[in-house]
Amino acid sequence: MRVNLEDDEHMVAALPKIWAIALGLMGFFNKNKEGILVLTNKNLIFVPRYLYVSPKEREKYFGEDKVKVAQLWDYSETQLDEDISENSKSWIVPLESIIDITQITLRKVNFMRIKFSSSGKEKSYDLGVAKSVTNYPIRQPLLFYNVDWTAWIDLLKSRI
């Protein structure tokens, strides 16, 4: 039985190893989380979870410097629902609440920026793919890949 997802909700696309950057006060106090980005037929979901991806699998998701629309192998709606329940820092954005989806360039790197309204406030997240990560003192990205997000942006805009 699903707790966080509706019975008729299904996954459309998913991406592993995505870094979500919650934009803070005037661009300061950014909070980074690594996880899985999932688009369902009703919601955009981010679940903070480390998932190992081999270099061969990386081509399936981020090949040719483009973020591709793909499904995670061996990851179902039931596992997604369990991951959301286990991690309180997951966020679920209903597709109706999304205000804008754009590709922005910061420090010569492309990010996908999602603006949405949540409980009357406008929130923004930048999503990127890390090239290198430091594990000490906490897991944080150092460099990001400069990838093209247009496939995901077009998919999201067609669902809104």
C-alpha atoms as a PDB file:
ATOM      1  CA  MET A   1       0.000   0.000   0.000  1.00  0.00           C
ATOM      2  CA  ARG A   2       1.342   3.389  -0.990  1.00  0.00           C
ATOM      3  CA  VAL A   3       1.550   6.170   1.562  1.00  0.00           C
ATOM      4  CA  ASN A   4       3.077   9.125  -0.319  1.00  0.00           C
ATOM      5  CA  LEU A   5       2.022   8.317  -3.878  1.00  0.00           C
ATOM      6  CA  GLU A   6      -1.498   7.925  -5.186  1.00  0.00           C
ATOM      7  CA  ASP A   7      -2.585   4.541  -6.526  1.00  0.00           C
ATOM      8  CA  ASP A   8      -2.815   5.755 -10.139  1.00  0.00           C
ATOM      9  CA  GLU A   9       0.510   7.633  -9.987  1.00  0.00           C
ATOM     10  CA  HIS A  10       3.393   6.187 -12.008  1.00  0.00           C
ATOM     11  CA  MET A  11       6.983   7.174 -12.809  1.00  0.00           C
ATOM     12  CA  VAL A  12       7.616   8.859 -16.148  1.00  0.00           C
ATOM     13  CA  ALA A  13      11.362   9.506 -15.811  1.00  0.00           C
ATOM     14  CA  ALA A  14      14.089   9.390 -13.170  1.00  0.00           C
ATOM     15  CA  LEU A  15      17.668  10.625 -12.796  1.00  0.00           C
ATOM     16  CA  PRO A  16      20.259   9.479 -10.225  1.00  0.00           C
ATOM     17  CA  LYS A  17      23.138  11.506  -8.774  1.00  0.00           C
ATOM     18  CA  ILE A  18      21.406  14.891  -9.055  1.00  0.00           C
ATOM     19  CA  TRP A  19      22.381  17.679  -6.691  1.00  0.00           C
ATOM     20  CA  ALA A  20      19.519  19.903  -5.560  1.00  0.00           C
ATOM     21  CA  ILE A  21      20.597  23.315  -4.354  1.00  0.00           C
ATOM     22  CA  ALA A  22      17.987  25.140  -2.294  1.00  0.00           C
ATOM     23  CA  LEU A  23      18.486  28.827  -2.926  1.00  0.00           C
ATOM     24  CA  GLY A  24      18.731  30.762   0.315  1.00  0.00           C
ATOM     25  CA  LEU A  25      18.542  34.374   1.392  1.00  0.00           C
ATOM     26  CA  MET A  26      19.803  36.576  -1.485  1.00  0.00           C
ATOM     27  CA  GLY A  27      21.836  33.677  -2.891  1.00  0.00           C
ATOM     28  CA  PHE A  28      23.571  32.934   0.423  1.00  0.00           C
ATOM     29  CA  PHE A  29      23.055  29.959   2.733  1.00  0.00           C
ATOM     30  CA  ASN A  30      22.560  27.434  -0.051  1.00  0.00           C
ATOM     31  CA  LYS A  31      21.783  23.875   1.022  1.00  0.00           C
ATOM     32  CA  ASN A  32      22.987  21.008  -1.181  1.00  0.00           C
ATOM     33  CA  LYS A  33      21.554  17.498  -1.279  1.00  0.00           C
ATOM     34  CA  GLU A  34      22.423  14.573  -3.523  1.00  0.00           C
ATOM     35  CA  GLY A  35      19.634  12.288  -4.608  1.00  0.00           C
ATOM     36  CA  ILE A  36      17.245  10.959  -7.196  1.00  0.00           C
ATOM     37  CA  LEU A  37      15.014  13.240  -9.256  1.00  0.00           C
ATOM     38  CA  VAL A  38      11.758  11.549 -10.291  1.00  0.00           C
ATOM     39  CA  LEU A  39       8.982  12.816 -12.501  1.00  0.00           C
ATOM     40  CA  THR A  40       5.634  11.102 -12.059  1.00  0.00           C
ATOM     41  CA  ASN A  41       2.439  11.824 -13.930  1.00  0.00           C
ATOM     42  CA  LYS A  42       1.368  14.123 -11.034  1.00  0.00           C
ATOM     43  CA  ASN A  43       4.479  15.288  -9.145  1.00  0.00           C
ATOM     44  CA  LEU A  44       8.139  16.184  -9.373  1.00  0.00           C
ATOM     45  CA  ILE A  45       9.906  14.383  -6.532  1.00  0.00           C
ATOM     46  CA  PHE A  46      13.429  14.670  -5.136  1.00  0.00           C
ATOM     47  CA  VAL A  47      14.624  11.995  -2.720  1.00  0.00           C
ATOM     48  CA  PRO A  48      17.988  12.564  -0.991  1.00  0.00           C
ATOM     49  CA  ARG A  49      19.720   9.230  -1.500  1.00  0.00           C
ATOM     50  CA  TYR A  50      23.187   8.258  -2.655  1.00  0.00           C
ATOM     51  CA  LEU A  51      23.038   5.828  -5.547  1.00  0.00           C
ATOM     52  CA  TYR A  52      26.160   4.440  -7.209  1.00  0.00           C
ATOM     53  CA  VAL A  53      26.161   4.755 -10.987  1.00  0.00           C
ATOM     54  CA  SER A  54      28.873   3.062 -13.037  1.00  0.00           C
ATOM     55  CA  PRO A  55      30.574   4.977 -15.878  1.00  0.00           C
ATOM     56  CA  LYS A  56      28.710   2.831 -18.422  1.00  0.00           C
ATOM     57  CA  GLU A  57      25.357   3.646 -16.785  1.00  0.00           C
ATOM     58  CA  ARG A  58      26.300   7.328 -16.603  1.00  0.00           C
ATOM     59  CA  GLU A  59      26.188   7.453 -20.414  1.00  0.00           C
ATOM     60  CA  LYS A  60      22.557   6.334 -20.298  1.00  0.00           C
ATOM     61  CA  TYR A  61      21.586   9.327 -18.134  1.00  0.00           C
ATOM     62  CA  PHE A  62      24.143  12.044 -18.976  1.00  0.00           C
ATOM     63  CA  GLY A  63      25.725  11.025 -22.272  1.00  0.00           C
ATOM     64  CA  GLU A  64      26.914  13.511 -24.903  1.00  0.00           C
ATOM     65  CA  ASP A  65      26.700  16.362 -22.344  1.00  0.00           C
ATOM     66  CA  LYS A  66      22.914  16.117 -22.319  1.00  0.00           C
ATOM     67  CA  VAL A  67      20.598  15.067 -19.528  1.00  0.00           C
ATOM     68  CA  LYS A  68      18.476  12.307 -21.017  1.00  0.00           C
ATOM     69  CA  VAL A  69      14.948  11.252 -20.162  1.00  0.00           C
ATOM     70  CA  ALA A  70      15.301   7.707 -18.836  1.00  0.00           C
ATOM     71  CA  GLN A  71      14.067   5.317 -16.183  1.00  0.00           C
ATOM     72  CA  LEU A  72      16.197   3.935 -13.358  1.00  0.00           C
ATOM     73  CA  TRP A  73      16.801   0.245 -13.772  1.00  0.00           C
ATOM     74  CA  ASP A  74      15.271  -1.806 -10.944  1.00  0.00           C
ATOM     75  CA  TYR A  75      13.608   1.172  -9.198  1.00  0.00           C
ATOM     76  CA  SER A  76       9.841   1.003  -8.827  1.00  0.00           C
ATOM     77  CA  GLU A  77       7.057   3.190  -7.452  1.00  0.00           C
ATOM     78  CA  THR A  78       7.016   1.058  -4.290  1.00  0.00           C
ATOM     79  CA  GLN A  79      10.714   1.735  -3.641  1.00  0.00           C
ATOM     80  CA  LEU A  80      10.166   5.427  -4.347  1.00  0.00           C
ATOM     81  CA  ASP A  81       7.319   5.529  -1.831  1.00  0.00           C
ATOM     82  CA  GLU A  82       9.500   3.813   0.800  1.00  0.00           C
ATOM     83  CA  ASP A  83      12.397   6.218   0.150  1.00  0.00           C
ATOM     84  CA  ILE A  84      10.101   9.230   0.584  1.00  0.00           C
ATOM     85  CA  SER A  85       8.825   7.810   3.896  1.00  0.00           C
ATOM     86  CA  GLU A  86      12.337   7.038   5.166  1.00  0.00           C
ATOM     87  CA  ASN A  87      13.820  10.440   4.346  1.00  0.00           C
ATOM     88  CA  SER A  88      12.061  13.468   5.815  1.00  0.00           C
ATOM     89  CA  LYS A  89      14.082  15.856   3.604  1.00  0.00           C
ATOM     90  CA  SER A  90      12.427  14.592   0.434  1.00  0.00           C
ATOM     91  CA  TRP A  91      10.338  17.116  -1.435  1.00  0.00           C
ATOM     92  CA  ILE A  92       7.278  16.549  -3.536  1.00  0.00           C
ATOM     93  CA  VAL A  93       6.208  19.323  -5.907  1.00  0.00           C
ATOM     94  CA  PRO A  94       2.787  18.952  -7.528  1.00  0.00           C
ATOM     95  CA  LEU A  95       3.047  19.778 -11.231  1.00  0.00           C
ATOM     96  CA  GLU A  96       0.261  22.376 -10.866  1.00  0.00           C
ATOM     97  CA  SER A  97       2.335  24.402  -8.370  1.00  0.00           C
ATOM     98  CA  ILE A  98       5.354  24.797 -10.704  1.00  0.00           C
ATOM     99  CA  ILE A  99       5.659  28.420 -11.790  1.00  0.00           C
ATOM    100  CA  ASP A 100       8.705  28.309 -14.066  1.00  0.00           C
ATOM    101  CA  ILE A 101      11.344  25.891 -15.345  1.00  0.00           C
ATOM    102  CA  THR A 102      14.456  27.334 -16.966  1.00  0.00           C
ATOM    103  CA  GLN A 103      18.041  26.494 -17.742  1.00  0.00           C
ATOM    104  CA  ILE A 104      20.418  28.993 -16.177  1.00  0.00           C
ATOM    105  CA  THR A 105      24.176  29.349 -16.460  1.00  0.00           C
ATOM    106  CA  LEU A 106      26.193  30.044 -13.324  1.00  0.00           C
ATOM    107  CA  ARG A 107      30.019  30.021 -13.398  1.00  0.00           C
ATOM    108  CA  LYS A 108      30.003  28.509 -16.916  1.00  0.00           C
ATOM    109  CA  VAL A 109      27.815  25.581 -15.816  1.00  0.00           C
ATOM    110  CA  ASN A 110      24.192  24.913 -16.808  1.00  0.00           C
ATOM    111  CA  PHE A 111      21.643  24.189 -14.087  1.00  0.00           C
ATOM    112  CA  MET A 112      17.918  23.540 -14.283  1.00  0.00           C
ATOM    113  CA  ARG A 113      16.051  26.026 -12.074  1.00  0.00           C
ATOM    114  CA  ILE A 114      12.606  25.112 -10.824  1.00  0.00           C
ATOM    115  CA  LYS A 115      10.387  27.778  -9.266  1.00  0.00           C
ATOM    116  CA  PHE A 116       7.235  26.657  -7.507  1.00  0.00           C
ATOM    117  CA  SER A 117       4.795  27.845  -4.881  1.00  0.00           C
ATOM    118  CA  SER A 118       4.582  26.018  -1.586  1.00  0.00           C
ATOM    119  CA  SER A 119       2.179  27.126   1.150  1.00  0.00           C
ATOM    120  CA  GLY A 120       1.898  30.615  -0.330  1.00  0.00           C
ATOM    121  CA  LYS A 121       5.663  31.161  -0.728  1.00  0.00           C
ATOM    122  CA  GLU A 122       7.756  30.951  -3.860  1.00  0.00           C
ATOM    123  CA  LYS A 123      10.686  28.516  -3.632  1.00  0.00           C
ATOM    124  CA  SER A 124      13.511  27.800  -6.061  1.00  0.00           C
ATOM    125  CA  TYR A 125      15.853  24.878  -6.563  1.00  0.00           C
ATOM    126  CA  ASP A 126      18.805  24.587  -8.903  1.00  0.00           C
ATOM    127  CA  LEU A 127      19.535  21.064 -10.109  1.00  0.00           C
ATOM    128  CA  GLY A 128      22.941  19.966 -11.373  1.00  0.00           C
ATOM    129  CA  VAL A 129      25.194  16.977 -11.991  1.00  0.00           C
ATOM    130  CA  ALA A 130      28.399  16.875  -9.933  1.00  0.00           C
ATOM    131  CA  LYS A 131      31.720  16.139 -11.619  1.00  0.00           C
ATOM    132  CA  SER A 132      33.675  15.807  -8.383  1.00  0.00           C
ATOM    133  CA  VAL A 133      32.558  15.517  -4.772  1.00  0.00           C
ATOM    134  CA  THR A 134      34.288  15.913  -1.420  1.00  0.00           C
ATOM    135  CA  ASN A 135      33.292  13.593   1.425  1.00  0.00           C
ATOM    136  CA  TYR A 136      34.902  15.463   4.309  1.00  0.00           C
ATOM    137  CA  PRO A 137      33.524  16.968   6.556  1.00  0.00           C
ATOM    138  CA  ILE A 138      30.227  16.389   4.721  1.00  0.00           C
ATOM    139  CA  ARG A 139      29.462  15.222   1.180  1.00  0.00           C
ATOM    140  CA  GLN A 140      29.454  18.330  -1.041  1.00  0.00           C
ATOM    141  CA  PRO A 141      29.942  18.933  -4.776  1.00  0.00           C
ATOM    142  CA  LEU A 142      33.130  20.681  -5.901  1.00  0.00           C
ATOM    143  CA  LEU A 143      32.643  20.887  -9.666  1.00  0.00           C
ATOM    144  CA  PHE A 144      29.588  20.423 -11.847  1.00  0.00           C
ATOM    145  CA  TYR A 145      29.226  19.061 -15.380  1.00  0.00           C
ATOM    146  CA  ASN A 146      28.078  21.547 -17.984  1.00  0.00           C
ATOM    147  CA  VAL A 147      25.113  19.586 -19.344  1.00  0.00           C
ATOM    148  CA  ASP A 148      22.150  20.504 -21.499  1.00  0.00           C
ATOM    149  CA  TRP A 149      18.824  20.201 -19.613  1.00  0.00           C
ATOM    150  CA  THR A 150      16.467  20.932 -22.554  1.00  0.00           C
ATOM    151  CA  ALA A 151      15.042  17.373 -22.769  1.00  0.00           C
ATOM    152  CA  TRP A 152      13.910  17.493 -19.124  1.00  0.00           C
ATOM    153  CA  ILE A 153      12.707  21.089 -19.380  1.00  0.00           C
ATOM    154  CA  ASP A 154      10.607  20.256 -22.460  1.00  0.00           C
ATOM    155  CA  LEU A 155       9.196  17.160 -20.725  1.00  0.00           C
ATOM    156  CA  LEU A 156       8.267  19.129 -17.613  1.00  0.00           C
ATOM    157  CA  LYS A 157       6.711  21.966 -19.599  1.00  0.00           C
ATOM    158  CA  SER A 158       4.609  19.494 -21.569  1.00  0.00           C
ATOM    159  CA  ARG A 159       3.283  18.029 -18.290  1.00  0.00           C
ATOM    160  CA  ILE A 160       2.330  21.376 -16.704  1.00  0.00           C
END
